[in-house]
Amino acid sequence: MMEQLAAIMLLISCSDDMAICNEVEAPQAAYATQEICETQIGGAIRENASAAPLVLGKCVTVNVDELQEDAWITWDINPAGELVAAVEFDDDIEMAATSRYAQAETSLISN
């Protein structure tokens, strides 16, 4: 059986020095494909540009079958200033708490 993939859009607003960053609500929680998410992310970043000095975005691919479980997006900003993100499930949540931005542990998908 072929796995079916979808994408979750993650938007982060930051202070100009990136010392304070928070998640911003995306226009929709999930997209049917990575490609659809990628076409929408630029507009979503522009829509939020007036709310913070810096807005970053990323589309994170997820397996649709896994969305039946509790899923979390964990994210961080690497030393190069790039947003890195991953989808974590149940057993990985403790690891997520060690993220630089622990407040990013917002559950986007739940049963």
PDB file of N, CA and C in Angstrom:
ATOM      1  N   MET A   1       0.841  -1.178   0.000  1.00  0.00           N
ATOM      2  CA  MET A   1       0.000   0.000   0.000  1.00  0.00           C
ATOM      3  C   MET A   1       0.887   1.242   0.000  1.00  0.00           C
ATOM      4  N   MET A   2       0.564   2.164  -0.866  1.00  0.00           N
ATOM      5  CA  MET A   2       1.340   3.393  -0.989  1.00  0.00           C
ATOM      6  C   MET A   2       0.925   4.387   0.101  1.00  0.00           C
ATOM      7  N   GLU A   3       1.904   4.987   0.772  1.00  0.00           N
ATOM      8  CA  GLU A   3       1.543   5.945   1.817  1.00  0.00           C
ATOM      9  C   GLU A   3       1.069   7.246   1.181  1.00  0.00           C
ATOM     10  N   GLN A   4       0.043   7.829   1.801  1.00  0.00           N
ATOM     11  CA  GLN A   4      -0.517   9.086   1.312  1.00  0.00           C
ATOM     12  C   GLN A   4       0.048  10.216   2.168  1.00  0.00           C
ATOM     13  N   LEU A   5       0.632  11.201   1.507  1.00  0.00           N
ATOM     14  CA  LEU A   5       1.268  12.304   2.219  1.00  0.00           C
ATOM     15  C   LEU A   5       0.425  13.568   2.141  1.00  0.00           C
ATOM     16  N   ALA A   6       0.532  14.385   3.154  1.00  0.00           N
ATOM     17  CA  ALA A   6      -0.091  15.700   3.206  1.00  0.00           C
ATOM     18  C   ALA A   6       0.966  16.655   3.749  1.00  0.00           C
ATOM     19  N   ALA A   7       0.610  17.927   3.882  1.00  0.00           N
ATOM     20  CA  ALA A   7       1.557  18.906   4.414  1.00  0.00           C
ATOM     21  C   ALA A   7       0.863  19.802   5.426  1.00  0.00           C
ATOM     22  N   ILE A   8       1.598  20.159   6.447  1.00  0.00           N
ATOM     23  CA  ILE A   8       1.134  21.100   7.463  1.00  0.00           C
ATOM     24  C   ILE A   8       1.955  22.370   7.318  1.00  0.00           C
ATOM     25  N   MET A   9       1.273  23.517   7.295  1.00  0.00           N
ATOM     26  CA  MET A   9       1.972  24.795   7.187  1.00  0.00           C
ATOM     27  C   MET A   9       2.289  25.306   8.593  1.00  0.00           C
ATOM     28  N   LEU A  10       3.534  25.673   8.790  1.00  0.00           N
ATOM     29  CA  LEU A  10       3.989  26.239  10.049  1.00  0.00           C
ATOM     30  C   LEU A  10       4.441  27.666   9.784  1.00  0.00           C
ATOM     31  N   LEU A  11       3.886  28.612  10.528  1.00  0.00           N
ATOM     32  CA  LEU A  11       4.285  30.013  10.423  1.00  0.00           C
ATOM     33  C   LEU A  11       4.791  30.470  11.783  1.00  0.00           C
ATOM     34  N   ILE A  12       5.922  31.172  11.788  1.00  0.00           N
ATOM     35  CA  ILE A  12       6.548  31.656  13.011  1.00  0.00           C
ATOM     36  C   ILE A  12       6.821  33.148  12.854  1.00  0.00           C
ATOM     37  N   SER A  13       6.435  33.939  13.849  1.00  0.00           N
ATOM     38  CA  SER A  13       6.775  35.368  13.858  1.00  0.00           C
ATOM     39  C   SER A  13       7.851  35.590  14.905  1.00  0.00           C
ATOM     40  N   CYS A  14       8.833  36.425  14.571  1.00  0.00           N
ATOM     41  CA  CYS A  14       9.969  36.656  15.472  1.00  0.00           C
ATOM     42  C   CYS A  14      10.267  38.139  15.615  1.00  0.00           C
ATOM     43  N   SER A  15      10.894  38.462  16.736  1.00  0.00           N
ATOM     44  CA  SER A  15      11.438  39.808  16.914  1.00  0.00           C
ATOM     45  C   SER A  15      12.616  39.955  15.939  1.00  0.00           C
ATOM     46  N   ASP A  16      13.044  41.177  15.682  1.00  0.00           N
ATOM     47  CA  ASP A  16      14.102  41.384  14.691  1.00  0.00           C
ATOM     48  C   ASP A  16      15.411  40.692  15.053  1.00  0.00           C
ATOM     49  N   ASP A  17      15.664  40.463  16.351  1.00  0.00           N
ATOM     50  CA  ASP A  17      16.888  39.759  16.757  1.00  0.00           C
ATOM     51  C   ASP A  17      16.665  38.253  16.938  1.00  0.00           C
ATOM     52  N   MET A  18      15.454  37.778  16.637  1.00  0.00           N
ATOM     53  CA  MET A  18      15.047  36.376  16.762  1.00  0.00           C
ATOM     54  C   MET A  18      15.108  35.859  18.195  1.00  0.00           C
ATOM     55  N   ALA A  19      15.137  36.740  19.173  1.00  0.00           N
ATOM     56  CA  ALA A  19      15.180  36.318  20.572  1.00  0.00           C
ATOM     57  C   ALA A  19      13.825  35.782  21.028  1.00  0.00           C
ATOM     58  N   ILE A  20      12.749  36.320  20.455  1.00  0.00           N
ATOM     59  CA  ILE A  20      11.401  35.888  20.812  1.00  0.00           C
ATOM     60  C   ILE A  20      10.680  35.479  19.531  1.00  0.00           C
ATOM     61  N   CYS A  21      10.242  34.234  19.483  1.00  0.00           N
ATOM     62  CA  CYS A  21       9.514  33.714  18.326  1.00  0.00           C
ATOM     63  C   CYS A  21       8.284  32.955  18.811  1.00  0.00           C
ATOM     64  N   ASN A  22       7.198  33.088  18.076  1.00  0.00           N
ATOM     65  CA  ASN A  22       5.955  32.416  18.412  1.00  0.00           C
ATOM     66  C   ASN A  22       5.277  31.909  17.158  1.00  0.00           C
ATOM     67  N   GLU A  23       4.478  30.863  17.317  1.00  0.00           N
ATOM     68  CA  GLU A  23       3.710  30.358  16.185  1.00  0.00           C
ATOM     69  C   GLU A  23       2.599  31.333  15.843  1.00  0.00           C
ATOM     70  N   VAL A  24       2.298  31.401  14.560  1.00  0.00           N
ATOM     71  CA  VAL A  24       1.192  32.190  14.031  1.00  0.00           C
ATOM     72  C   VAL A  24       0.218  31.193  13.424  1.00  0.00           C
ATOM     73  N   GLU A  25      -1.067  31.441  13.573  1.00  0.00           N
ATOM     74  CA  GLU A  25      -2.054  30.532  13.004  1.00  0.00           C
ATOM     75  C   GLU A  25      -1.974  30.544  11.483  1.00  0.00           C
ATOM     76  N   ALA A  26      -1.856  29.378  10.900  1.00  0.00           N
ATOM     77  CA  ALA A  26      -1.799  29.239   9.445  1.00  0.00           C
ATOM     78  C   ALA A  26      -3.223  29.354   8.883  1.00  0.00           C
ATOM     79  N   PRO A  27      -3.343  29.717   7.591  1.00  0.00           N
ATOM     80  CA  PRO A  27      -4.674  29.857   6.984  1.00  0.00           C
ATOM     81  C   PRO A  27      -5.499  28.575   7.052  1.00  0.00           C
ATOM     82  N   GLN A  28      -4.860  27.426   6.987  1.00  0.00           N
ATOM     83  CA  GLN A  28      -5.533  26.151   7.224  1.00  0.00           C
ATOM     84  C   GLN A  28      -4.515  25.197   7.816  1.00  0.00           C
ATOM     85  N   ALA A  29      -4.996  24.228   8.569  1.00  0.00           N
ATOM     86  CA  ALA A  29      -4.103  23.356   9.326  1.00  0.00           C
ATOM     87  C   ALA A  29      -3.311  22.404   8.447  1.00  0.00           C
ATOM     88  N   ALA A  30      -3.937  21.865   7.401  1.00  0.00           N
ATOM     89  CA  ALA A  30      -3.250  20.882   6.570  1.00  0.00           C
ATOM     90  C   ALA A  30      -3.632  21.066   5.105  1.00  0.00           C
ATOM     91  N   TYR A  31      -2.736  20.627   4.242  1.00  0.00           N
ATOM     92  CA  TYR A  31      -2.913  20.719   2.791  1.00  0.00           C
ATOM     93  C   TYR A  31      -2.794  19.331   2.188  1.00  0.00           C
ATOM     94  N   ALA A  32      -3.502  19.092   1.108  1.00  0.00           N
ATOM     95  CA  ALA A  32      -3.531  17.771   0.481  1.00  0.00           C
ATOM     96  C   ALA A  32      -2.153  17.324   0.005  1.00  0.00           C
ATOM     97  N   THR A  33      -1.323  18.281  -0.435  1.00  0.00           N
ATOM     98  CA  THR A  33       0.010  17.931  -0.918  1.00  0.00           C
ATOM     99  C   THR A  33       1.023  18.988  -0.472  1.00  0.00           C
ATOM    100  N   GLN A  34       2.279  18.596  -0.491  1.00  0.00           N
ATOM    101  CA  GLN A  34       3.375  19.521  -0.194  1.00  0.00           C
ATOM    102  C   GLN A  34       3.356  20.677  -1.202  1.00  0.00           C
ATOM    103  N   GLU A  35       3.075  20.355  -2.463  1.00  0.00           N
ATOM    104  CA  GLU A  35       3.087  21.366  -3.518  1.00  0.00           C
ATOM    105  C   GLU A  35       2.033  22.448  -3.282  1.00  0.00           C
ATOM    106  N   ILE A  36       0.837  22.043  -2.864  1.00  0.00           N
ATOM    107  CA  ILE A  36      -0.221  23.036  -2.589  1.00  0.00           C
ATOM    108  C   ILE A  36       0.202  23.930  -1.435  1.00  0.00           C
ATOM    109  N   CYS A  37       0.737  23.328  -0.387  1.00  0.00           N
ATOM    110  CA  CYS A  37       1.206  24.104   0.760  1.00  0.00           C
ATOM    111  C   CYS A  37       2.267  25.118   0.321  1.00  0.00           C
ATOM    112  N   GLU A  38       3.229  24.656  -0.475  1.00  0.00           N
ATOM    113  CA  GLU A  38       4.311  25.537  -0.931  1.00  0.00           C
ATOM    114  C   GLU A  38       3.780  26.722  -1.753  1.00  0.00           C
ATOM    115  N   THR A  39       2.721  26.497  -2.541  1.00  0.00           N
ATOM    116  CA  THR A  39       2.177  27.612  -3.331  1.00  0.00           C
ATOM    117  C   THR A  39       1.451  28.622  -2.455  1.00  0.00           C
ATOM    118  N   GLN A  40       0.992  28.200  -1.286  1.00  0.00           N
ATOM    119  CA  GLN A  40       0.227  29.073  -0.389  1.00  0.00           C
ATOM    120  C   GLN A  40       1.081  29.780   0.664  1.00  0.00           C
ATOM    121  N   ILE A  41       2.269  29.281   0.925  1.00  0.00           N
ATOM    122  CA  ILE A  41       3.042  29.775   2.070  1.00  0.00           C
ATOM    123  C   ILE A  41       3.537  31.211   1.879  1.00  0.00           C
ATOM    124  N   GLY A  42       3.904  31.573   0.661  1.00  0.00           N
ATOM    125  CA  GLY A  42       4.373  32.941   0.429  1.00  0.00           C
ATOM    126  C   GLY A  42       3.312  33.974   0.768  1.00  0.00           C
ATOM    127  N   GLY A  43       2.080  33.717   0.356  1.00  0.00           N
ATOM    128  CA  GLY A  43       0.970  34.622   0.667  1.00  0.00           C
ATOM    129  C   GLY A  43       0.700  34.686   2.158  1.00  0.00           C
ATOM    130  N   ALA A  44       0.795  33.548   2.836  1.00  0.00           N
ATOM    131  CA  ALA A  44       0.555  33.512   4.278  1.00  0.00           C
ATOM    132  C   ALA A  44       1.630  34.304   5.022  1.00  0.00           C
ATOM    133  N   ILE A  45       2.869  34.214   4.564  1.00  0.00           N
ATOM    134  CA  ILE A  45       3.956  34.990   5.182  1.00  0.00           C
ATOM    135  C   ILE A  45       3.703  36.480   4.968  1.00  0.00           C
ATOM    136  N   ARG A  46       3.349  36.860   3.740  1.00  0.00           N
ATOM    137  CA  ARG A  46       3.075  38.284   3.449  1.00  0.00           C
ATOM    138  C   ARG A  46       1.909  38.811   4.280  1.00  0.00           C
ATOM    139  N   GLU A  47       0.857  38.006   4.457  1.00  0.00           N
ATOM    140  CA  GLU A  47      -0.309  38.428   5.248  1.00  0.00           C
ATOM    141  C   GLU A  47       0.058  38.716   6.692  1.00  0.00           C
ATOM    142  N   ASN A  48       1.071  38.058   7.207  1.00  0.00           N
ATOM    143  CA  ASN A  48       1.475  38.235   8.604  1.00  0.00           C
ATOM    144  C   ASN A  48       2.671  39.164   8.775  1.00  0.00           C
ATOM    145  N   ALA A  49       3.192  39.686   7.676  1.00  0.00           N
ATOM    146  CA  ALA A  49       4.414  40.489   7.726  1.00  0.00           C
ATOM    147  C   ALA A  49       4.278  41.749   8.581  1.00  0.00           C
ATOM    148  N   SER A  50       3.083  42.309   8.663  1.00  0.00           N
ATOM    149  CA  SER A  50       2.917  43.533   9.454  1.00  0.00           C
ATOM    150  C   SER A  50       2.819  43.250  10.952  1.00  0.00           C
ATOM    151  N   ALA A  51       2.647  41.991  11.321  1.00  0.00           N
ATOM    152  CA  ALA A  51       2.472  41.642  12.737  1.00  0.00           C
ATOM    153  C   ALA A  51       3.781  41.496  13.495  1.00  0.00           C
ATOM    154  N   ALA A  52       4.892  41.312  12.772  1.00  0.00           N
ATOM    155  CA  ALA A  52       6.184  41.095  13.430  1.00  0.00           C
ATOM    156  C   ALA A  52       7.301  41.495  12.474  1.00  0.00           C
ATOM    157  N   PRO A  53       8.471  41.832  13.022  1.00  0.00           N
ATOM    158  CA  PRO A  53       9.599  42.196  12.153  1.00  0.00           C
ATOM    159  C   PRO A  53      10.021  41.077  11.205  1.00  0.00           C
ATOM    160  N   LEU A  54       9.839  39.823  11.621  1.00  0.00           N
ATOM    161  CA  LEU A  54      10.269  38.696  10.804  1.00  0.00           C
ATOM    162  C   LEU A  54       9.229  37.588  10.890  1.00  0.00           C
ATOM    163  N   VAL A  55       8.821  37.074   9.739  1.00  0.00           N
ATOM    164  CA  VAL A  55       7.893  35.942   9.692  1.00  0.00           C
ATOM    165  C   VAL A  55       8.538  34.856   8.829  1.00  0.00           C
ATOM    166  N   LEU A  56       8.622  33.660   9.377  1.00  0.00           N
ATOM    167  CA  LEU A  56       9.196  32.514   8.674  1.00  0.00           C
ATOM    168  C   LEU A  56       8.107  31.467   8.470  1.00  0.00           C
ATOM    169  N   GLY A  57       8.243  30.674   7.425  1.00  0.00           N
ATOM    170  CA  GLY A  57       7.262  29.630   7.182  1.00  0.00           C
ATOM    171  C   GLY A  57       7.900  28.380   6.629  1.00  0.00           C
ATOM    172  N   LYS A  58       7.232  27.256   6.842  1.00  0.00           N
ATOM    173  CA  LYS A  58       7.722  25.976   6.338  1.00  0.00           C
ATOM    174  C   LYS A  58       6.529  25.040   6.187  1.00  0.00           C
ATOM    175  N   CYS A  59       6.556  24.252   5.127  1.00  0.00           N
ATOM    176  CA  CYS A  59       5.578  23.190   4.937  1.00  0.00           C
ATOM    177  C   CYS A  59       6.224  21.878   5.365  1.00  0.00           C
ATOM    178  N   VAL A  60       5.577  21.179   6.279  1.00  0.00           N
ATOM    179  CA  VAL A  60       6.112  19.947   6.834  1.00  0.00           C
ATOM    180  C   VAL A  60       5.274  18.777   6.325  1.00  0.00           C
ATOM    181  N   THR A  61       5.920  17.819   5.675  1.00  0.00           N
ATOM    182  CA  THR A  61       5.225  16.663   5.124  1.00  0.00           C
ATOM    183  C   THR A  61       4.878  15.667   6.224  1.00  0.00           C
ATOM    184  N   VAL A  62       3.652  15.150   6.175  1.00  0.00           N
ATOM    185  CA  VAL A  62       3.206  14.138   7.128  1.00  0.00           C
ATOM    186  C   VAL A  62       2.526  12.999   6.376  1.00  0.00           C
ATOM    187  N   ASN A  63       2.578  11.816   6.948  1.00  0.00           N
ATOM    188  CA  ASN A  63       1.864  10.664   6.419  1.00  0.00           C
ATOM    189  C   ASN A  63       0.418  10.759   6.911  1.00  0.00           C
ATOM    190  N   VAL A  64      -0.545  10.790   5.994  1.00  0.00           N
ATOM    191  CA  VAL A  64      -1.956  10.944   6.361  1.00  0.00           C
ATOM    192  C   VAL A  64      -2.410   9.868   7.329  1.00  0.00           C
ATOM    193  N   ASP A  65      -1.926   8.641   7.177  1.00  0.00           N
ATOM    194  CA  ASP A  65      -2.315   7.555   8.075  1.00  0.00           C
ATOM    195  C   ASP A  65      -1.910   7.835   9.516  1.00  0.00           C
ATOM    196  N   GLU A  66      -0.831   8.580   9.708  1.00  0.00           N
ATOM    197  CA  GLU A  66      -0.364   8.887  11.056  1.00  0.00           C
ATOM    198  C   GLU A  66      -1.158  10.018  11.708  1.00  0.00           C
ATOM    199  N   LEU A  67      -1.966  10.712  10.937  1.00  0.00           N
ATOM    200  CA  LEU A  67      -2.731  11.823  11.493  1.00  0.00           C
ATOM    201  C   LEU A  67      -3.863  11.355  12.401  1.00  0.00           C
ATOM    202  N   GLN A  68      -4.088  10.053  12.470  1.00  0.00           N
ATOM    203  CA  GLN A  68      -5.087   9.512  13.379  1.00  0.00           C
ATOM    204  C   GLN A  68      -4.581   9.566  14.826  1.00  0.00           C
ATOM    205  N   GLU A  69      -3.270   9.703  14.984  1.00  0.00           N
ATOM    206  CA  GLU A  69      -2.656   9.778  16.314  1.00  0.00           C
ATOM    207  C   GLU A  69      -2.459  11.247  16.690  1.00  0.00           C
ATOM    208  N   ASP A  70      -2.175  11.490  17.965  1.00  0.00           N
ATOM    209  CA  ASP A  70      -1.828  12.856  18.366  1.00  0.00           C
ATOM    210  C   ASP A  70      -0.503  13.222  17.716  1.00  0.00           C
ATOM    211  N   ALA A  71      -0.485  14.357  17.052  1.00  0.00           N
ATOM    212  CA  ALA A  71       0.725  14.806  16.371  1.00  0.00           C
ATOM    213  C   ALA A  71       1.070  16.213  16.834  1.00  0.00           C
ATOM    214  N   TRP A  72       2.346  16.486  16.897  1.00  0.00           N
ATOM    215  CA  TRP A  72       2.848  17.781  17.336  1.00  0.00           C
ATOM    216  C   TRP A  72       3.850  18.272  16.312  1.00  0.00           C
ATOM    217  N   ILE A  73       3.884  19.560  16.112  1.00  0.00           N
ATOM    218  CA  ILE A  73       4.942  20.167  15.299  1.00  0.00           C
ATOM    219  C   ILE A  73       5.978  20.698  16.278  1.00  0.00           C
ATOM    220  N   THR A  74       7.205  20.257  16.143  1.00  0.00           N
ATOM    221  CA  THR A  74       8.291  20.843  16.930  1.00  0.00           C
ATOM    222  C   THR A  74       9.145  21.654  15.969  1.00  0.00           C
ATOM    223  N   TRP A  75       9.643  22.758  16.434  1.00  0.00           N
ATOM    224  CA  TRP A  75      10.420  23.624  15.554  1.00  0.00           C
ATOM    225  C   TRP A  75      11.517  24.348  16.320  1.00  0.00           C
ATOM    226  N   ASP A  76      12.446  24.839  15.548  1.00  0.00           N
ATOM    227  CA  ASP A  76      13.555  25.615  16.088  1.00  0.00           C
ATOM    228  C   ASP A  76      14.089  26.482  14.951  1.00  0.00           C
ATOM    229  N   ILE A  77      14.891  27.434  15.292  1.00  0.00           N
ATOM    230  CA  ILE A  77      15.569  28.244  14.289  1.00  0.00           C
ATOM    231  C   ILE A  77      17.050  27.951  14.440  1.00  0.00           C
ATOM    232  N   ASN A  78      17.655  27.447  13.369  1.00  0.00           N
ATOM    233  CA  ASN A  78      19.052  27.033  13.451  1.00  0.00           C
ATOM    234  C   ASN A  78      19.976  28.255  13.423  1.00  0.00           C
ATOM    235  N   PRO A  79      21.268  28.076  13.664  1.00  0.00           N
ATOM    236  CA  PRO A  79      22.203  29.207  13.702  1.00  0.00           C
ATOM    237  C   PRO A  79      22.240  30.023  12.405  1.00  0.00           C
ATOM    238  N   ALA A  80      21.840  29.426  11.289  1.00  0.00           N
ATOM    239  CA  ALA A  80      21.811  30.157  10.010  1.00  0.00           C
ATOM    240  C   ALA A  80      20.528  30.968   9.859  1.00  0.00           C
ATOM    241  N   GLY A  81      19.641  30.911  10.860  1.00  0.00           N
ATOM    242  CA  GLY A  81      18.396  31.669  10.803  1.00  0.00           C
ATOM    243  C   GLY A  81      17.297  30.977  10.018  1.00  0.00           C
ATOM    244  N   GLU A  82      17.448  29.676   9.792  1.00  0.00           N
ATOM    245  CA  GLU A  82      16.453  28.916   9.042  1.00  0.00           C
ATOM    246  C   GLU A  82      15.508  28.199   9.995  1.00  0.00           C
ATOM    247  N   LEU A  83      14.238  28.173   9.624  1.00  0.00           N
ATOM    248  CA  LEU A  83      13.239  27.457  10.391  1.00  0.00           C
ATOM    249  C   LEU A  83      13.341  25.966  10.068  1.00  0.00           C
ATOM    250  N   VAL A  84      13.525  25.161  11.092  1.00  0.00           N
ATOM    251  CA  VAL A  84      13.537  23.706  10.932  1.00  0.00           C
ATOM    252  C   VAL A  84      12.373  23.151  11.752  1.00  0.00           C
ATOM    253  N   ALA A  85      11.673  22.175  11.184  1.00  0.00           N
ATOM    254  CA  ALA A  85      10.484  21.655  11.855  1.00  0.00           C
ATOM    255  C   ALA A  85      10.321  20.179  11.559  1.00  0.00           C
ATOM    256  N   ALA A  86       9.615  19.505  12.464  1.00  0.00           N
ATOM    257  CA  ALA A  86       9.323  18.088  12.287  1.00  0.00           C
ATOM    258  C   ALA A  86       7.998  17.777  12.959  1.00  0.00           C
ATOM    259  N   VAL A  87       7.352  16.736  12.477  1.00  0.00           N
ATOM    260  CA  VAL A  87       6.142  16.231  13.113  1.00  0.00           C
ATOM    261  C   VAL A  87       6.562  15.135  14.070  1.00  0.00           C
ATOM    262  N   GLU A  88       6.105  15.241  15.296  1.00  0.00           N
ATOM    263  CA  GLU A  88       6.425  14.251  16.325  1.00  0.00           C
ATOM    264  C   GLU A  88       5.127  13.599  16.779  1.00  0.00           C
ATOM    265  N   PHE A  89       5.210  12.342  17.207  1.00  0.00           N
ATOM    266  CA  PHE A  89       4.046  11.612  17.670  1.00  0.00           C
ATOM    267  C   PHE A  89       4.247  11.137  19.090  1.00  0.00           C
ATOM    268  N   ASP A  90       3.144  10.926  19.798  1.00  0.00           N
ATOM    269  CA  ASP A  90       3.074  10.464  21.176  1.00  0.00           C
ATOM    270  C   ASP A  90       4.399  10.256  21.906  1.00  0.00           C
ATOM    271  N   ASP A  91       5.154   9.224  21.568  1.00  0.00           N
ATOM    272  CA  ASP A  91       6.360   8.864  22.307  1.00  0.00           C
ATOM    273  C   ASP A  91       7.470   9.901  22.186  1.00  0.00           C
ATOM    274  N   ASP A  92       7.394  10.756  21.182  1.00  0.00           N
ATOM    275  CA  ASP A  92       8.446  11.735  20.955  1.00  0.00           C
ATOM    276  C   ASP A  92       8.195  13.060  21.668  1.00  0.00           C
ATOM    277  N   ILE A  93       7.053  13.196  22.328  1.00  0.00           N
ATOM    278  CA  ILE A  93       6.678  14.490  22.911  1.00  0.00           C
ATOM    279  C   ILE A  93       7.656  14.932  23.995  1.00  0.00           C
ATOM    280  N   GLU A  94       8.177  14.011  24.789  1.00  0.00           N
ATOM    281  CA  GLU A  94       9.151  14.392  25.811  1.00  0.00           C
ATOM    282  C   GLU A  94      10.366  15.046  25.176  1.00  0.00           C
ATOM    283  N   MET A  95      10.800  14.532  24.043  1.00  0.00           N
ATOM    284  CA  MET A  95      11.932  15.122  23.341  1.00  0.00           C
ATOM    285  C   MET A  95      11.598  16.545  22.894  1.00  0.00           C
ATOM    286  N   ALA A  96      10.362  16.769  22.496  1.00  0.00           N
ATOM    287  CA  ALA A  96       9.961  18.082  22.010  1.00  0.00           C
ATOM    288  C   ALA A  96      10.111  19.155  23.087  1.00  0.00           C
ATOM    289  N   ALA A  97       9.950  18.767  24.337  1.00  0.00           N
ATOM    290  CA  ALA A  97      10.044  19.726  25.429  1.00  0.00           C
ATOM    291  C   ALA A  97      11.448  20.297  25.569  1.00  0.00           C
ATOM    292  N   THR A  98      12.442  19.661  24.962  1.00  0.00           N
ATOM    293  CA  THR A  98      13.803  20.159  25.056  1.00  0.00           C
ATOM    294  C   THR A  98      14.124  21.141  23.924  1.00  0.00           C
ATOM    295  N   SER A  99      13.177  21.383  23.048  1.00  0.00           N
ATOM    296  CA  SER A  99      13.385  22.320  21.949  1.00  0.00           C
ATOM    297  C   SER A  99      13.673  23.708  22.498  1.00  0.00           C
ATOM    298  N   ARG A 100      14.465  24.472  21.752  1.00  0.00           N
ATOM    299  CA  ARG A 100      14.783  25.843  22.151  1.00  0.00           C
ATOM    300  C   ARG A 100      13.499  26.636  22.381  1.00  0.00           C
ATOM    301  N   TYR A 101      12.487  26.380  21.570  1.00  0.00           N
ATOM    302  CA  TYR A 101      11.211  27.079  21.700  1.00  0.00           C
ATOM    303  C   TYR A 101      10.151  26.086  22.151  1.00  0.00           C
ATOM    304  N   ALA A 102      10.188  25.762  23.436  1.00  0.00           N
ATOM    305  CA  ALA A 102       9.257  24.754  23.953  1.00  0.00           C
ATOM    306  C   ALA A 102       7.809  25.196  23.771  1.00  0.00           C
ATOM    307  N   GLN A 103       7.549  26.516  23.681  1.00  0.00           N
ATOM    308  CA  GLN A 103       6.181  26.971  23.486  1.00  0.00           C
ATOM    309  C   GLN A 103       5.637  26.555  22.125  1.00  0.00           C
ATOM    310  N   ALA A 104       6.472  26.017  21.273  1.00  0.00           N
ATOM    311  CA  ALA A 104       6.040  25.592  19.950  1.00  0.00           C
ATOM    312  C   ALA A 104       5.296  24.277  19.964  1.00  0.00           C
ATOM    313  N   GLU A 105       5.133  23.688  21.135  1.00  0.00           N
ATOM    314  CA  GLU A 105       4.497  22.377  21.221  1.00  0.00           C
ATOM    315  C   GLU A 105       2.977  22.468  21.097  1.00  0.00           C
ATOM    316  N   THR A 106       2.485  23.149  20.097  1.00  0.00           N
ATOM    317  CA  THR A 106       1.058  23.278  19.886  1.00  0.00           C
ATOM    318  C   THR A 106       0.536  22.072  19.125  1.00  0.00           C
ATOM    319  N   SER A 107      -0.453  21.412  19.679  1.00  0.00           N
ATOM    320  CA  SER A 107      -1.027  20.258  18.984  1.00  0.00           C
ATOM    321  C   SER A 107      -1.896  20.748  17.854  1.00  0.00           C
ATOM    322  N   LEU A 108      -1.537  20.388  16.633  1.00  0.00           N
ATOM    323  CA  LEU A 108      -2.317  20.799  15.479  1.00  0.00           C
ATOM    324  C   LEU A 108      -3.342  19.771  15.067  1.00  0.00           C
ATOM    325  N   ILE A 109      -3.061  18.523  15.394  1.00  0.00           N
ATOM    326  CA  ILE A 109      -3.935  17.448  14.961  1.00  0.00           C
ATOM    327  C   ILE A 109      -4.203  16.564  16.166  1.00  0.00           C
ATOM    328  N   SER A 110      -5.439  16.355  16.506  1.00  0.00           N
ATOM    329  CA  SER A 110      -5.731  15.472  17.614  1.00  0.00           C
ATOM    330  C   SER A 110      -6.970  14.647  17.312  1.00  0.00           C
ATOM    331  N   ASN A 111      -7.134  13.578  18.040  1.00  0.00           N
ATOM    332  CA  ASN A 111      -8.275  12.685  17.803  1.00  0.00           C
ATOM    333  C   ASN A 111      -9.574  13.368  18.179  1.00  0.00           C
TER     334      ASN A 111
END
